[in-house]
């Protein structure tokens, strides 16, 4: 056993986990709220970084922006009761969200495709995770040129939509009254209760 593995083994003795049973699953509506919270926090962090010299800090900003968007998209999926895949492909997640009736307009989709090319996989070379690790080859699409303010608005829009659906489904579950959640998302009139 290596030194690090020995330390891990000793630390596990002190963790408050009951090995007799399995951990409790987080209730679905709370899980959506957690994903929304993560999206908002990473969005704010990316926004903070964008106030500095973007030519120096573009990899961490793009990584934070992509992760904020990924969390917002997964919040949308979970708010509809759909399992969120363990995938980082923003384009795939966006298509899934649109199929469920969430609203993303063409300029937003173009920004997502562009950000995805540095966050997940390059459109041309298929290099993965260019903002996480140095690429082996020089590539034309090395920076996300999407303005941070635009990415922030996309994340905020998705968070709002996920929150509305989640609130509606939660109210429906507690009250037993069924309604049309899709019309609420498209009207954007209901404010989520976060």
Protein backbone atom coordinates (compact mmCIF):
# COMPACT_ATOMS: atom_id res chain seq x y z
CA UNK A 1 0.00 0.00 0.00
CA UNK A 2 1.38 3.43 -0.98
CA UNK A 3 1.78 6.28 1.52
CA UNK A 4 -1.18 8.23 0.17
CA UNK A 5 -3.43 5.16 0.23
CA UNK A 6 -2.40 4.45 3.85
CA UNK A 7 -3.36 8.00 4.86
CA UNK A 8 -6.70 7.65 3.06
CA UNK A 9 -7.38 4.37 4.85
CA UNK A 10 -6.64 5.95 8.27
CA UNK A 11 -8.81 9.00 7.53
CA UNK A 12 -11.80 6.83 6.57
CA UNK A 13 -11.92 5.61 10.18
CA UNK A 14 -12.85 9.13 11.33
CA UNK A 15 -15.50 9.92 8.73
CA UNK A 16 -19.08 9.94 10.03
CA UNK A 17 -20.42 7.41 7.54
CA UNK A 18 -22.46 4.43 8.62
CA UNK A 19 -21.03 1.53 6.68
CA UNK A 20 -24.09 -0.55 7.62
CA UNK A 21 -26.45 1.37 5.34
CA UNK A 22 -26.28 3.52 2.26
CA UNK A 23 -26.35 7.34 2.40
CA UNK A 24 -29.73 9.04 2.04
CA UNK A 25 -30.56 10.39 -1.40
CA UNK A 26 -31.12 14.17 -1.56
CA UNK A 27 -34.79 14.93 -2.39
CA UNK A 28 -35.23 15.82 -6.05
CA UNK A 29 -36.42 19.40 -5.55
CA UNK A 30 -33.51 20.14 -3.17
CA UNK A 31 -31.07 18.60 -5.63
CA UNK A 32 -32.29 21.05 -8.30
CA UNK A 33 -31.76 23.93 -5.86
CA UNK A 34 -28.20 22.70 -5.20
CA UNK A 35 -27.43 22.61 -8.94
CA UNK A 36 -28.88 26.11 -9.28
CA UNK A 37 -26.70 27.32 -6.40
CA UNK A 38 -23.59 25.84 -7.98
CA UNK A 39 -24.45 27.45 -11.32
CA UNK A 40 -24.91 30.84 -9.68
CA UNK A 41 -21.68 30.62 -7.69
CA UNK A 42 -19.53 29.54 -10.65
CA UNK A 43 -21.19 32.19 -12.78
CA UNK A 44 -20.31 34.87 -10.22
CA UNK A 45 -16.72 33.60 -10.00
CA UNK A 46 -16.36 33.73 -13.81
CA UNK A 47 -17.83 37.22 -13.80
CA UNK A 48 -15.31 38.32 -11.16
CA UNK A 49 -12.42 36.94 -13.20
CA UNK A 50 -13.66 38.70 -16.33
CA UNK A 51 -13.02 42.05 -14.64
CA UNK A 52 -9.27 41.36 -14.82
CA UNK A 53 -7.00 41.08 -17.83
CA UNK A 54 -8.91 38.50 -19.88
CA UNK A 55 -5.90 37.61 -22.04
CA UNK A 56 -4.13 36.26 -18.95
CA UNK A 57 -7.06 34.66 -17.11
CA UNK A 58 -9.07 33.26 -20.01
CA UNK A 59 -8.57 29.52 -19.20
CA UNK A 60 -9.93 29.73 -15.63
CA UNK A 61 -12.70 32.10 -16.73
CA UNK A 62 -13.76 29.77 -19.55
CA UNK A 63 -13.59 26.78 -17.20
CA UNK A 64 -15.77 28.54 -14.61
CA UNK A 65 -18.21 29.76 -17.29
CA UNK A 66 -18.50 26.30 -18.81
CA UNK A 67 -19.05 24.71 -15.42
CA UNK A 68 -21.70 27.31 -14.51
CA UNK A 69 -23.48 26.57 -17.76
CA UNK A 70 -23.18 22.81 -17.24
CA UNK A 71 -24.71 23.13 -13.74
CA UNK A 72 -27.56 25.32 -15.04
CA UNK A 73 -28.33 22.86 -17.84
CA UNK A 74 -28.31 19.94 -15.41
CA UNK A 75 -30.62 21.88 -13.05
CA UNK A 76 -33.05 22.20 -15.96
CA UNK A 77 -32.91 18.47 -16.66
CA UNK A 78 -33.41 17.53 -13.01
CA UNK A 79 -36.25 20.03 -12.60
CA UNK A 80 -38.20 18.02 -15.19
CA UNK A 81 -37.43 14.74 -13.43
CA UNK A 82 -34.86 13.70 -16.04
CA UNK A 83 -31.58 12.15 -14.93
CA UNK A 84 -28.61 14.44 -15.59
CA UNK A 85 -25.90 12.51 -17.43
CA UNK A 86 -22.36 12.50 -16.08
CA UNK A 87 -21.26 14.36 -19.18
CA UNK A 88 -19.56 17.72 -19.74
CA UNK A 89 -20.73 18.23 -23.35
CA UNK A 90 -22.62 21.54 -23.23
CA UNK A 91 -24.03 21.01 -26.73
CA UNK A 92 -25.47 17.60 -25.84
CA UNK A 93 -26.90 18.96 -22.58
CA UNK A 94 -28.41 21.97 -24.42
CA UNK A 95 -30.12 19.68 -26.93
CA UNK A 96 -31.58 17.62 -24.08
CA UNK A 97 -32.85 20.77 -22.34
CA UNK A 98 -34.43 22.10 -25.53
CA UNK A 99 -36.13 18.73 -26.11
CA UNK A 100 -37.74 19.15 -22.68
CA UNK A 101 -39.18 22.53 -23.67
CA UNK A 102 -36.67 24.96 -22.16
CA UNK A 103 -35.95 28.10 -24.14
CA UNK A 104 -32.55 28.77 -25.72
CA UNK A 105 -32.37 31.11 -28.69
CA UNK A 106 -29.99 30.79 -31.65
CA UNK A 107 -27.45 33.41 -30.45
CA UNK A 108 -27.35 31.63 -27.08
CA UNK A 109 -26.83 28.28 -28.79
CA UNK A 110 -24.00 29.74 -30.91
CA UNK A 111 -22.32 30.99 -27.72
CA UNK A 112 -22.75 27.57 -26.12
CA UNK A 113 -21.21 25.80 -29.13
CA UNK A 114 -18.26 28.18 -29.07
CA UNK A 115 -17.69 27.88 -25.31
CA UNK A 116 -18.03 24.10 -25.59
CA UNK A 117 -15.13 24.04 -28.04
CA UNK A 118 -12.75 25.16 -25.28
CA UNK A 119 -14.63 23.76 -22.27
CA UNK A 120 -15.31 20.26 -23.55
CA UNK A 121 -14.12 19.42 -27.08
CA UNK A 122 -12.70 21.43 -29.98
CA UNK A 123 -14.95 21.56 -33.04
CA UNK A 124 -12.12 20.86 -35.51
CA UNK A 125 -9.37 18.86 -33.80
CA UNK A 126 -11.62 17.11 -31.25
CA UNK A 127 -9.10 17.97 -28.51
CA UNK A 128 -10.84 17.62 -25.15
CA UNK A 129 -10.65 19.94 -22.14
CA UNK A 130 -8.43 22.65 -23.64
CA UNK A 131 -8.95 25.00 -20.70
CA UNK A 132 -7.94 22.30 -18.21
CA UNK A 133 -4.76 20.96 -19.77
CA UNK A 134 -2.20 22.18 -22.33
CA UNK A 135 -3.00 20.92 -25.85
CA UNK A 136 -0.46 18.87 -27.78
CA UNK A 137 -0.94 20.93 -30.95
CA UNK A 138 -1.39 24.60 -31.80
CA UNK A 139 -5.04 25.22 -32.61
CA UNK A 140 -6.99 28.10 -34.07
CA UNK A 141 -9.83 27.99 -31.54
CA UNK A 142 -7.88 28.32 -28.32
CA UNK A 143 -9.89 31.08 -26.66
CA UNK A 144 -13.53 31.60 -25.99
CA UNK A 145 -14.40 34.94 -27.54
CA UNK A 146 -17.93 34.95 -26.16
CA UNK A 147 -18.39 37.97 -23.88
CA UNK A 148 -18.67 36.94 -20.26
CA UNK A 149 -21.76 39.08 -19.79
CA UNK A 150 -23.56 37.06 -22.49
CA UNK A 151 -22.63 33.72 -20.89
CA UNK A 152 -23.83 35.12 -17.53
CA UNK A 153 -27.20 36.00 -19.04
CA UNK A 154 -27.56 32.50 -20.51
CA UNK A 155 -26.80 30.90 -17.13
CA UNK A 156 -29.20 33.28 -15.36
CA UNK A 157 -31.96 32.51 -17.87
CA UNK A 158 -31.51 28.75 -17.45
CA UNK A 159 -31.40 29.06 -13.66
CA UNK A 160 -34.64 31.05 -13.71
CA UNK A 161 -36.34 28.50 -15.97
CA UNK A 162 -35.16 25.54 -13.86
CA UNK A 163 -36.27 27.30 -10.68
CA UNK A 164 -39.75 27.93 -12.08
CA UNK A 165 -40.23 24.33 -13.15
CA UNK A 166 -38.81 23.04 -9.86
CA UNK A 167 -41.06 25.33 -7.80
CA UNK A 168 -44.07 24.33 -9.86
CA UNK A 169 -43.35 20.59 -9.56
CA UNK A 170 -42.71 20.98 -5.82
CA UNK A 171 -45.98 22.86 -5.29
CA UNK A 172 -47.80 20.28 -7.38
CA UNK A 173 -46.34 17.44 -5.31
CA UNK A 174 -47.36 19.07 -2.03
CA UNK A 175 -50.79 20.31 -3.10
CA UNK A 176 -51.85 17.52 -5.44
CA UNK A 177 -53.02 20.15 -7.95
CA UNK A 178 -51.76 19.50 -11.47
CA UNK A 179 -51.13 22.24 -13.99
CA UNK A 180 -49.18 23.24 -17.05
CA UNK A 181 -45.56 23.83 -15.96
CA UNK A 182 -44.44 24.35 -19.56
CA UNK A 183 -46.59 27.46 -19.99
CA UNK A 184 -45.07 28.87 -16.80
CA UNK A 185 -41.53 28.37 -18.12
CA UNK A 186 -42.30 29.98 -21.47
CA UNK A 187 -44.16 32.94 -19.98
CA UNK A 188 -41.29 33.62 -17.54
CA UNK A 189 -43.76 35.21 -15.13
CA UNK A 190 -43.27 33.04 -12.05
CA UNK A 191 -40.35 33.97 -9.80
CA UNK A 192 -38.62 30.97 -8.24
CA UNK A 193 -38.76 30.68 -4.46
CA UNK A 194 -35.08 30.18 -3.67
